Structure formats: C-alpha cells, structure tokens
Amino acid sequence: MTDMTEATQPNALIKRLPIIVIGVVAVLGAYFLRDYLTFDALAENREALIAFRDANYLLTVLVFIAIYTVAVAFSLPGALILTLSGGFLFSTFPGFLFNVTGATIGATAIFLAARWGFGKQLGAKLEGSDGIVKKIKDGIDENQWSMLFLIRLVPAVPFFLANLIPSFLEVPLRRFVISTFFGIIPGSIVYTSVGAGLGEVFANGETPNLGIIFEPHILLPIIGLCVLAVLPILIKALRGKKGL
C-alpha cells in the first residue's frame, strides 16, 4: 500500500508541474517585466518596431504571435499592450487575427496544463458530488457552448479564469479552442482598432482611451452578443418548465 502511495505522489507532481511552472513564471514576469510591456515602452520603440516590420514583415508576424502566445500562456503582464501593438504594427486587419491567434494558442496551453494537472480529478469529484454542486455542473454541461462564449464575451471575466474554469469542467479541447477563438474576436477588434490609431496618438503626445470597450456604442453590441449566447439557456429553461 505504501509503495503504491509513493508511486502515485511523483506522478501527481509531474502532472501538476506545467501549471506550477506557469504560476511561477507568472509571478516572476509580473515583477521583472512590468516596466517593459507598457504603453511608454511601445511609444519609445515605435520607430524601431515599424522599421523592423517593413524590412521583415513575415518574420515580424511570426515573432509577434509567438510573443503573444508566451505572454498569455504564462499570464505575463502586458497582454493589452500587445493587443494594441498588433493594431499599431499590422492595422485592425489583419492585426486582430494575429492577436486572436496568439491569444488562442496561449489560452489552450493553460487549458491543457490545468486539465492535465487538476482537471480530470476535479471533474470526477464534481461529477460524483451531490446537491447544488452537481446541479451547477450539470447545468454547465448541458449548455457548454453558450457558457463558453459568454465567459469570453463578458469583459468583466478575467482571461486567465476563462481559461481555467473550462479545464475543470471536462470541456472538450476542440470546443474550448473554437469558443475561445471566436469569443474573443469582438473585444480584440475593438482594442486592435485602438492600436491602429496609435500613430496619431503618439504624434499628439496623448494616451489611448483604453476604456473604450465600456462606451455605449461598443458595449451595447457586445451585450447583444451576450444575450444571444444566453438565449439557448433561457429557451431550454422555459421548455423545461413547460414540460413540468
């Protein structure tokens, strides 16, 4: 019995190693990189970045997506600055596609690390539980597509949590990737478009309006998308009541 326990502990540690590494790198990154991935740093290096892009466009795209992926995968600071940079370097289109691609790959890395380390065990525990916890899990399982799109569309849900929660609820990888890619497009387009106008902002010595997503002409359409995401859940609930 002791031998089995000793054999199980290293296996559990190995499985949790990726998410532990992500956590450690996130803490170190928050401390050491806080002064590098900033709006001021982008403003100071804008001419060098544009010159490098003009001379090496494809390489710039690949490096940018790689940096964005690493930043998201390790929850490093500056994701918003990177999104603005995507617009600044590549315009709204195709900039937002590069932003969404990097974010999706990075989010998938966190999802897989958490799933491998904790997701299966926690999912099994939730499935075997009773009462309100089981009802909540069943409700999410029955409306996975709607819930996944909802947590991506709502600006108040932290991106890191939106990556972790599905990993604990046995969401299929394909479903996670699809909902992440398409769910973050609206917000990405907004901030990428802000980044596309940074040239004028820099020229005027101003700072961009990062709260633009909460302005009515932007927020209301996103709320509309949230309502569409919730609609299948409401319809299903109403049908259930009628069935009773």
C-alpha atoms as a PDB file:
ATOM      1  CA  MET A   1       0.000   0.000   0.000  1.00  0.00           C
ATOM      2  CA  THR A   2       2.867   2.342   0.892  1.00  0.00           C
ATOM      3  CA  ASP A   3       4.649   1.597  -2.374  1.00  0.00           C
ATOM      4  CA  MET A   4       1.526   2.489  -4.374  1.00  0.00           C
ATOM      5  CA  THR A   5       1.155   5.776  -2.487  1.00  0.00           C
ATOM      6  CA  GLU A   6       4.812   6.657  -3.053  1.00  0.00           C
ATOM      7  CA  ALA A   7       4.454   5.851  -6.757  1.00  0.00           C
ATOM      8  CA  THR A   8       1.316   7.953  -7.055  1.00  0.00           C
ATOM      9  CA  GLN A   9       2.797  11.094  -5.469  1.00  0.00           C
ATOM     10  CA  PRO A  10       5.590  11.626  -8.065  1.00  0.00           C
ATOM     11  CA  ASN A  11       3.105  11.018 -10.887  1.00  0.00           C
ATOM     12  CA  ALA A  12       0.756  13.634  -9.430  1.00  0.00           C
ATOM     13  CA  LEU A  13       3.646  16.087  -9.071  1.00  0.00           C
ATOM     14  CA  ILE A  14       4.746  15.535 -12.682  1.00  0.00           C
ATOM     15  CA  LYS A  15       1.210  16.119 -13.911  1.00  0.00           C
ATOM     16  CA  ARG A  16       0.971  19.355 -11.964  1.00  0.00           C
ATOM     17  CA  LEU A  17       4.432  20.562 -12.953  1.00  0.00           C
ATOM     18  CA  PRO A  18       3.293  22.510 -16.080  1.00  0.00           C
ATOM     19  CA  ILE A  19       0.678  24.553 -14.196  1.00  0.00           C
ATOM     20  CA  ILE A  20       3.163  25.089 -11.339  1.00  0.00           C
ATOM     21  CA  VAL A  21       5.751  26.374 -13.832  1.00  0.00           C
ATOM     22  CA  ILE A  22       3.141  28.682 -15.358  1.00  0.00           C
ATOM     23  CA  GLY A  23       2.330  30.043 -11.899  1.00  0.00           C
ATOM     24  CA  VAL A  24       5.990  30.633 -11.011  1.00  0.00           C
ATOM     25  CA  VAL A  25       6.770  32.301 -14.357  1.00  0.00           C
ATOM     26  CA  ALA A  26       3.639  34.466 -13.998  1.00  0.00           C
ATOM     27  CA  VAL A  27       4.828  35.759 -10.611  1.00  0.00           C
ATOM     28  CA  LEU A  28       8.376  36.377 -11.863  1.00  0.00           C
ATOM     29  CA  GLY A  29       7.067  38.001 -15.050  1.00  0.00           C
ATOM     30  CA  ALA A  30       4.785  40.334 -13.102  1.00  0.00           C
ATOM     31  CA  TYR A  31       7.822  41.526 -11.143  1.00  0.00           C
ATOM     32  CA  PHE A  32      10.538  41.693 -13.805  1.00  0.00           C
ATOM     33  CA  LEU A  33       8.561  42.620 -16.938  1.00  0.00           C
ATOM     34  CA  ARG A  34       6.231  45.240 -15.522  1.00  0.00           C
ATOM     35  CA  ASP A  35       8.381  48.085 -16.887  1.00  0.00           C
ATOM     36  CA  TYR A  36       8.903  46.596 -20.363  1.00  0.00           C
ATOM     37  CA  LEU A  37       5.446  45.717 -21.688  1.00  0.00           C
ATOM     38  CA  THR A  38       3.986  49.185 -21.198  1.00  0.00           C
ATOM     39  CA  PHE A  39       2.475  51.916 -23.335  1.00  0.00           C
ATOM     40  CA  ASP A  40       5.519  54.136 -22.755  1.00  0.00           C
ATOM     41  CA  ALA A  41       7.857  51.357 -23.921  1.00  0.00           C
ATOM     42  CA  LEU A  42       5.792  50.966 -27.090  1.00  0.00           C
ATOM     43  CA  ALA A  43       5.891  54.713 -27.700  1.00  0.00           C
ATOM     44  CA  GLU A  44       9.665  54.872 -27.212  1.00  0.00           C
ATOM     45  CA  ASN A  45      10.377  51.947 -29.556  1.00  0.00           C
ATOM     46  CA  ARG A  46       7.720  52.602 -32.194  1.00  0.00           C
ATOM     47  CA  GLU A  47      10.104  53.726 -34.943  1.00  0.00           C
ATOM     48  CA  ALA A  48      12.401  50.726 -34.481  1.00  0.00           C
ATOM     49  CA  LEU A  49       9.421  48.361 -34.499  1.00  0.00           C
ATOM     50  CA  ILE A  50       7.996  49.852 -37.693  1.00  0.00           C
ATOM     51  CA  ALA A  51      11.403  49.722 -39.393  1.00  0.00           C
ATOM     52  CA  PHE A  52      11.840  46.057 -38.449  1.00  0.00           C
ATOM     53  CA  ARG A  53       8.314  45.246 -39.656  1.00  0.00           C
ATOM     54  CA  ASP A  54       8.885  46.945 -43.000  1.00  0.00           C
ATOM     55  CA  ALA A  55      12.121  45.023 -43.528  1.00  0.00           C
ATOM     56  CA  ASN A  56      10.887  41.651 -42.213  1.00  0.00           C
ATOM     57  CA  TYR A  57       7.091  41.511 -42.398  1.00  0.00           C
ATOM     58  CA  LEU A  58       6.562  37.730 -42.222  1.00  0.00           C
ATOM     59  CA  LEU A  59       9.187  37.305 -39.505  1.00  0.00           C
ATOM     60  CA  THR A  60       7.581  40.129 -37.530  1.00  0.00           C
ATOM     61  CA  VAL A  61       4.189  38.399 -37.747  1.00  0.00           C
ATOM     62  CA  LEU A  62       5.607  35.065 -36.554  1.00  0.00           C
ATOM     63  CA  VAL A  63       7.624  36.635 -33.725  1.00  0.00           C
ATOM     64  CA  PHE A  64       4.656  38.743 -32.655  1.00  0.00           C
ATOM     65  CA  ILE A  65       2.302  35.734 -32.487  1.00  0.00           C
ATOM     66  CA  ALA A  66       4.976  33.761 -30.592  1.00  0.00           C
ATOM     67  CA  ILE A  67       5.431  36.567 -28.044  1.00  0.00           C
ATOM     68  CA  TYR A  68       1.666  36.941 -27.633  1.00  0.00           C
ATOM     69  CA  THR A  69       1.322  33.173 -27.152  1.00  0.00           C
ATOM     70  CA  VAL A  70       4.023  33.083 -24.461  1.00  0.00           C
ATOM     71  CA  ALA A  71       2.559  36.140 -22.705  1.00  0.00           C
ATOM     72  CA  VAL A  72      -0.887  34.540 -22.500  1.00  0.00           C
ATOM     73  CA  ALA A  73       0.362  31.030 -21.731  1.00  0.00           C
ATOM     74  CA  PHE A  74       2.388  32.283 -18.757  1.00  0.00           C
ATOM     75  CA  SER A  75      -0.080  35.033 -17.779  1.00  0.00           C
ATOM     76  CA  LEU A  76       2.602  37.677 -18.187  1.00  0.00           C
ATOM     77  CA  PRO A  77       1.706  41.365 -17.834  1.00  0.00           C
ATOM     78  CA  GLY A  78       1.120  43.458 -20.928  1.00  0.00           C
ATOM     79  CA  ALA A  79      -1.451  41.437 -22.913  1.00  0.00           C
ATOM     80  CA  LEU A  80      -3.414  44.629 -23.582  1.00  0.00           C
ATOM     81  CA  ILE A  81      -0.266  46.413 -24.765  1.00  0.00           C
ATOM     82  CA  LEU A  82       0.442  43.505 -27.101  1.00  0.00           C
ATOM     83  CA  THR A  83      -3.090  43.770 -28.500  1.00  0.00           C
ATOM     84  CA  LEU A  84      -2.555  47.473 -29.135  1.00  0.00           C
ATOM     85  CA  SER A  85       0.799  46.643 -30.720  1.00  0.00           C
ATOM     86  CA  GLY A  86      -0.936  44.215 -33.076  1.00  0.00           C
ATOM     87  CA  GLY A  87      -3.082  47.052 -34.350  1.00  0.00           C
ATOM     88  CA  PHE A  88      -0.193  49.517 -34.421  1.00  0.00           C
ATOM     89  CA  LEU A  89       2.047  47.199 -36.458  1.00  0.00           C
ATOM     90  CA  PHE A  90      -0.487  45.446 -38.694  1.00  0.00           C
ATOM     91  CA  SER A  91      -3.628  47.669 -38.709  1.00  0.00           C
ATOM     92  CA  THR A  92      -7.021  46.437 -37.498  1.00  0.00           C
ATOM     93  CA  PHE A  93      -6.981  43.794 -40.218  1.00  0.00           C
ATOM     94  CA  PRO A  94      -5.090  41.504 -40.230  1.00  0.00           C
ATOM     95  CA  GLY A  95      -3.832  42.665 -36.822  1.00  0.00           C
ATOM     96  CA  PHE A  96      -6.792  41.350 -34.876  1.00  0.00           C
ATOM     97  CA  LEU A  97      -6.330  37.907 -36.463  1.00  0.00           C
ATOM     98  CA  PHE A  98      -2.723  37.800 -35.243  1.00  0.00           C
ATOM     99  CA  ASN A  99      -3.881  38.880 -31.775  1.00  0.00           C
ATOM    100  CA  VAL A 100      -6.641  36.288 -31.632  1.00  0.00           C
ATOM    101  CA  THR A 101      -4.340  33.533 -32.910  1.00  0.00           C
ATOM    102  CA  GLY A 102      -1.673  34.216 -30.286  1.00  0.00           C
ATOM    103  CA  ALA A 103      -4.256  34.538 -27.514  1.00  0.00           C
ATOM    104  CA  THR A 104      -5.992  31.306 -28.502  1.00  0.00           C
ATOM    105  CA  ILE A 105      -2.775  29.268 -28.641  1.00  0.00           C
ATOM    106  CA  GLY A 106      -1.660  30.666 -25.274  1.00  0.00           C
ATOM    107  CA  ALA A 107      -5.073  30.052 -23.710  1.00  0.00           C
ATOM    108  CA  THR A 108      -5.029  26.470 -24.988  1.00  0.00           C
ATOM    109  CA  ALA A 109      -1.636  25.932 -23.334  1.00  0.00           C
ATOM    110  CA  ILE A 110      -3.044  26.991 -19.937  1.00  0.00           C
ATOM    111  CA  PHE A 111      -6.164  24.907 -20.504  1.00  0.00           C
ATOM    112  CA  LEU A 112      -4.136  21.772 -21.248  1.00  0.00           C
ATOM    113  CA  ALA A 113      -1.731  22.347 -18.343  1.00  0.00           C
ATOM    114  CA  ALA A 114      -4.596  22.781 -15.879  1.00  0.00           C
ATOM    115  CA  ARG A 115      -6.534  19.870 -17.382  1.00  0.00           C
ATOM    116  CA  TRP A 116      -3.523  17.579 -17.148  1.00  0.00           C
ATOM    117  CA  GLY A 117      -2.693  18.615 -13.609  1.00  0.00           C
ATOM    118  CA  PHE A 118      -6.064  19.005 -11.932  1.00  0.00           C
ATOM    119  CA  GLY A 119      -8.945  18.915 -14.390  1.00  0.00           C
ATOM    120  CA  LYS A 120      -9.680  15.203 -14.609  1.00  0.00           C
ATOM    121  CA  GLN A 121      -9.569  14.603 -10.866  1.00  0.00           C
ATOM    122  CA  LEU A 122     -11.634  17.704 -10.075  1.00  0.00           C
ATOM    123  CA  GLY A 123     -14.106  16.920 -12.861  1.00  0.00           C
ATOM    124  CA  ALA A 124     -14.583  13.411 -11.496  1.00  0.00           C
ATOM    125  CA  LYS A 125     -15.152  14.778  -7.988  1.00  0.00           C
ATOM    126  CA  LEU A 126     -17.729  17.287  -9.241  1.00  0.00           C
ATOM    127  CA  GLU A 127     -19.460  14.575 -11.268  1.00  0.00           C
ATOM    128  CA  GLY A 128     -19.640  12.311  -8.227  1.00  0.00           C
ATOM    129  CA  SER A 129     -20.852  15.024  -5.868  1.00  0.00           C
ATOM    130  CA  ASP A 130     -24.436  15.607  -4.736  1.00  0.00           C
ATOM    131  CA  GLY A 131     -26.712  18.556  -4.230  1.00  0.00           C
ATOM    132  CA  ILE A 132     -26.202  22.052  -5.590  1.00  0.00           C
ATOM    133  CA  VAL A 133     -22.632  21.461  -6.804  1.00  0.00           C
ATOM    134  CA  LYS A 134     -23.747  18.612  -9.058  1.00  0.00           C
ATOM    135  CA  LYS A 135     -26.693  20.669 -10.345  1.00  0.00           C
ATOM    136  CA  ILE A 136     -24.394  23.552 -11.265  1.00  0.00           C
ATOM    137  CA  LYS A 137     -22.009  21.234 -13.120  1.00  0.00           C
ATOM    138  CA  ASP A 138     -24.910  19.546 -14.933  1.00  0.00           C
ATOM    139  CA  GLY A 139     -26.274  22.952 -15.934  1.00  0.00           C
ATOM    140  CA  ILE A 140     -22.914  23.963 -17.387  1.00  0.00           C
ATOM    141  CA  ASP A 141     -22.501  20.612 -19.149  1.00  0.00           C
ATOM    142  CA  GLU A 142     -25.902  20.992 -20.801  1.00  0.00           C
ATOM    143  CA  ASN A 143     -25.112  24.499 -22.071  1.00  0.00           C
ATOM    144  CA  GLN A 144     -21.370  24.350 -22.697  1.00  0.00           C
ATOM    145  CA  TRP A 145     -21.306  26.293 -25.964  1.00  0.00           C
ATOM    146  CA  SER A 146     -23.396  29.131 -24.540  1.00  0.00           C
ATOM    147  CA  MET A 147     -21.421  29.311 -21.289  1.00  0.00           C
ATOM    148  CA  LEU A 148     -18.059  29.215 -23.072  1.00  0.00           C
ATOM    149  CA  PHE A 149     -18.986  32.052 -25.420  1.00  0.00           C
ATOM    150  CA  LEU A 150     -20.491  34.025 -22.531  1.00  0.00           C
ATOM    151  CA  ILE A 151     -17.340  33.998 -20.389  1.00  0.00           C
ATOM    152  CA  ARG A 152     -15.339  35.144 -23.420  1.00  0.00           C
ATOM    153  CA  LEU A 153     -17.705  37.944 -24.363  1.00  0.00           C
ATOM    154  CA  VAL A 154     -18.224  39.447 -20.892  1.00  0.00           C
ATOM    155  CA  PRO A 155     -15.391  41.983 -20.371  1.00  0.00           C
ATOM    156  CA  ALA A 156     -15.577  41.548 -16.576  1.00  0.00           C
ATOM    157  CA  VAL A 157     -14.411  37.897 -16.679  1.00  0.00           C
ATOM    158  CA  PRO A 158     -10.583  37.764 -16.344  1.00  0.00           C
ATOM    159  CA  PHE A 159      -8.994  35.986 -19.304  1.00  0.00           C
ATOM    160  CA  PHE A 160      -6.936  33.727 -17.014  1.00  0.00           C
ATOM    161  CA  LEU A 161     -10.053  32.480 -15.206  1.00  0.00           C
ATOM    162  CA  ALA A 162     -11.850  31.971 -18.509  1.00  0.00           C
ATOM    163  CA  ASN A 163      -9.028  29.578 -19.426  1.00  0.00           C
ATOM    164  CA  LEU A 164      -9.009  27.685 -16.128  1.00  0.00           C
ATOM    165  CA  ILE A 165     -12.724  27.165 -15.482  1.00  0.00           C
ATOM    166  CA  PRO A 166     -13.384  25.047 -18.614  1.00  0.00           C
ATOM    167  CA  SER A 167     -10.374  22.840 -17.797  1.00  0.00           C
ATOM    168  CA  PHE A 168     -12.017  21.859 -14.508  1.00  0.00           C
ATOM    169  CA  LEU A 169     -15.377  21.101 -16.139  1.00  0.00           C
ATOM    170  CA  GLU A 170     -14.271  18.484 -18.683  1.00  0.00           C
ATOM    171  CA  VAL A 171     -14.881  20.748 -21.678  1.00  0.00           C
ATOM    172  CA  PRO A 172     -13.606  19.069 -24.898  1.00  0.00           C
ATOM    173  CA  LEU A 173     -10.440  20.639 -26.312  1.00  0.00           C
ATOM    174  CA  ARG A 174     -11.989  21.333 -29.731  1.00  0.00           C
ATOM    175  CA  ARG A 175     -14.924  23.131 -28.135  1.00  0.00           C
ATOM    176  CA  PHE A 176     -12.610  25.206 -25.960  1.00  0.00           C
ATOM    177  CA  VAL A 177     -10.434  26.267 -28.902  1.00  0.00           C
ATOM    178  CA  ILE A 178     -13.372  27.199 -31.144  1.00  0.00           C
ATOM    179  CA  SER A 179     -15.220  29.171 -28.452  1.00  0.00           C
ATOM    180  CA  THR A 180     -12.017  30.952 -27.427  1.00  0.00           C
ATOM    181  CA  PHE A 181     -11.041  31.964 -30.959  1.00  0.00           C
ATOM    182  CA  PHE A 182     -14.453  33.293 -31.960  1.00  0.00           C
ATOM    183  CA  GLY A 183     -15.474  34.513 -28.499  1.00  0.00           C
ATOM    184  CA  ILE A 184     -12.554  36.929 -28.121  1.00  0.00           C
ATOM    185  CA  ILE A 185     -12.869  38.396 -31.617  1.00  0.00           C
ATOM    186  CA  PRO A 186     -15.252  41.292 -30.672  1.00  0.00           C
ATOM    187  CA  GLY A 187     -13.046  42.615 -27.863  1.00  0.00           C
ATOM    188  CA  SER A 188      -9.908  42.019 -29.897  1.00  0.00           C
ATOM    189  CA  ILE A 189     -11.243  44.031 -32.833  1.00  0.00           C
ATOM    190  CA  VAL A 190     -12.044  46.945 -30.509  1.00  0.00           C
ATOM    191  CA  TYR A 191      -8.590  47.145 -28.937  1.00  0.00           C
ATOM    192  CA  THR A 192      -6.761  46.331 -32.175  1.00  0.00           C
ATOM    193  CA  SER A 193      -8.550  49.244 -33.817  1.00  0.00           C
ATOM    194  CA  VAL A 194      -7.403  51.458 -30.939  1.00  0.00           C
ATOM    195  CA  GLY A 195      -3.858  50.242 -31.600  1.00  0.00           C
ATOM    196  CA  ALA A 196      -4.224  51.019 -35.300  1.00  0.00           C
ATOM    197  CA  GLY A 197      -4.747  54.670 -34.381  1.00  0.00           C
ATOM    198  CA  LEU A 198      -1.719  54.899 -32.090  1.00  0.00           C
ATOM    199  CA  GLY A 199       0.360  56.700 -34.723  1.00  0.00           C
ATOM    200  CA  GLU A 200      -1.825  59.790 -34.364  1.00  0.00           C
ATOM    201  CA  VAL A 201      -1.964  59.370 -30.583  1.00  0.00           C
ATOM    202  CA  PHE A 202       1.841  59.281 -30.383  1.00  0.00           C
ATOM    203  CA  ALA A 203       2.139  62.300 -32.672  1.00  0.00           C
ATOM    204  CA  ASN A 204      -0.161  64.318 -30.378  1.00  0.00           C
ATOM    205  CA  GLY A 205       1.599  63.150 -27.213  1.00  0.00           C
ATOM    206  CA  GLU A 206      -1.629  61.626 -25.900  1.00  0.00           C
ATOM    207  CA  THR A 207      -2.584  58.263 -24.383  1.00  0.00           C
ATOM    208  CA  PRO A 208      -5.164  55.910 -25.922  1.00  0.00           C
ATOM    209  CA  ASN A 209      -8.651  55.523 -24.483  1.00  0.00           C
ATOM    210  CA  LEU A 210      -8.386  52.015 -23.028  1.00  0.00           C
ATOM    211  CA  GLY A 211     -11.858  52.265 -21.524  1.00  0.00           C
ATOM    212  CA  ILE A 212     -13.434  52.462 -24.963  1.00  0.00           C
ATOM    213  CA  ILE A 213     -14.918  48.976 -24.665  1.00  0.00           C
ATOM    214  CA  PHE A 214     -17.256  50.292 -21.949  1.00  0.00           C
ATOM    215  CA  GLU A 215     -18.605  53.118 -24.095  1.00  0.00           C
ATOM    216  CA  PRO A 216     -22.240  52.587 -25.160  1.00  0.00           C
ATOM    217  CA  HIS A 217     -21.615  52.260 -28.922  1.00  0.00           C
ATOM    218  CA  ILE A 218     -19.122  49.453 -28.204  1.00  0.00           C
ATOM    219  CA  LEU A 219     -20.590  47.873 -25.084  1.00  0.00           C
ATOM    220  CA  LEU A 220     -24.183  47.573 -26.315  1.00  0.00           C
ATOM    221  CA  PRO A 221     -23.339  45.335 -29.315  1.00  0.00           C
ATOM    222  CA  ILE A 222     -21.219  43.130 -27.022  1.00  0.00           C
ATOM    223  CA  ILE A 223     -24.126  42.920 -24.580  1.00  0.00           C
ATOM    224  CA  GLY A 224     -26.279  41.905 -27.529  1.00  0.00           C
ATOM    225  CA  LEU A 225     -23.865  39.066 -28.296  1.00  0.00           C
ATOM    226  CA  CYS A 226     -24.001  38.033 -24.625  1.00  0.00           C
ATOM    227  CA  VAL A 227     -27.795  37.910 -24.822  1.00  0.00           C
ATOM    228  CA  LEU A 228     -27.554  35.696 -27.919  1.00  0.00           C
ATOM    229  CA  ALA A 229     -25.173  33.400 -26.020  1.00  0.00           C
ATOM    230  CA  VAL A 230     -27.581  33.162 -23.076  1.00  0.00           C
ATOM    231  CA  LEU A 231     -30.699  32.752 -25.256  1.00  0.00           C
ATOM    232  CA  PRO A 232     -30.372  28.963 -25.779  1.00  0.00           C
ATOM    233  CA  ILE A 233     -30.091  28.509 -22.000  1.00  0.00           C
ATOM    234  CA  LEU A 234     -33.237  30.558 -21.408  1.00  0.00           C
ATOM    235  CA  ILE A 235     -35.167  28.734 -24.124  1.00  0.00           C
ATOM    236  CA  LYS A 236     -34.128  25.381 -22.687  1.00  0.00           C
ATOM    237  CA  ALA A 237     -35.154  26.507 -19.175  1.00  0.00           C
ATOM    238  CA  LEU A 238     -38.557  27.708 -20.399  1.00  0.00           C
ATOM    239  CA  ARG A 239     -39.168  24.445 -22.245  1.00  0.00           C
ATOM    240  CA  GLY A 240     -38.248  22.555 -19.107  1.00  0.00           C
ATOM    241  CA  LYS A 241     -40.824  24.497 -17.076  1.00  0.00           C
ATOM    242  CA  LYS A 242     -43.493  23.877 -19.696  1.00  0.00           C
ATOM    243  CA  GLY A 243     -42.666  20.198 -19.577  1.00  0.00           C
ATOM    244  CA  LEU A 244     -43.330  20.230 -15.853  1.00  0.00           C
END
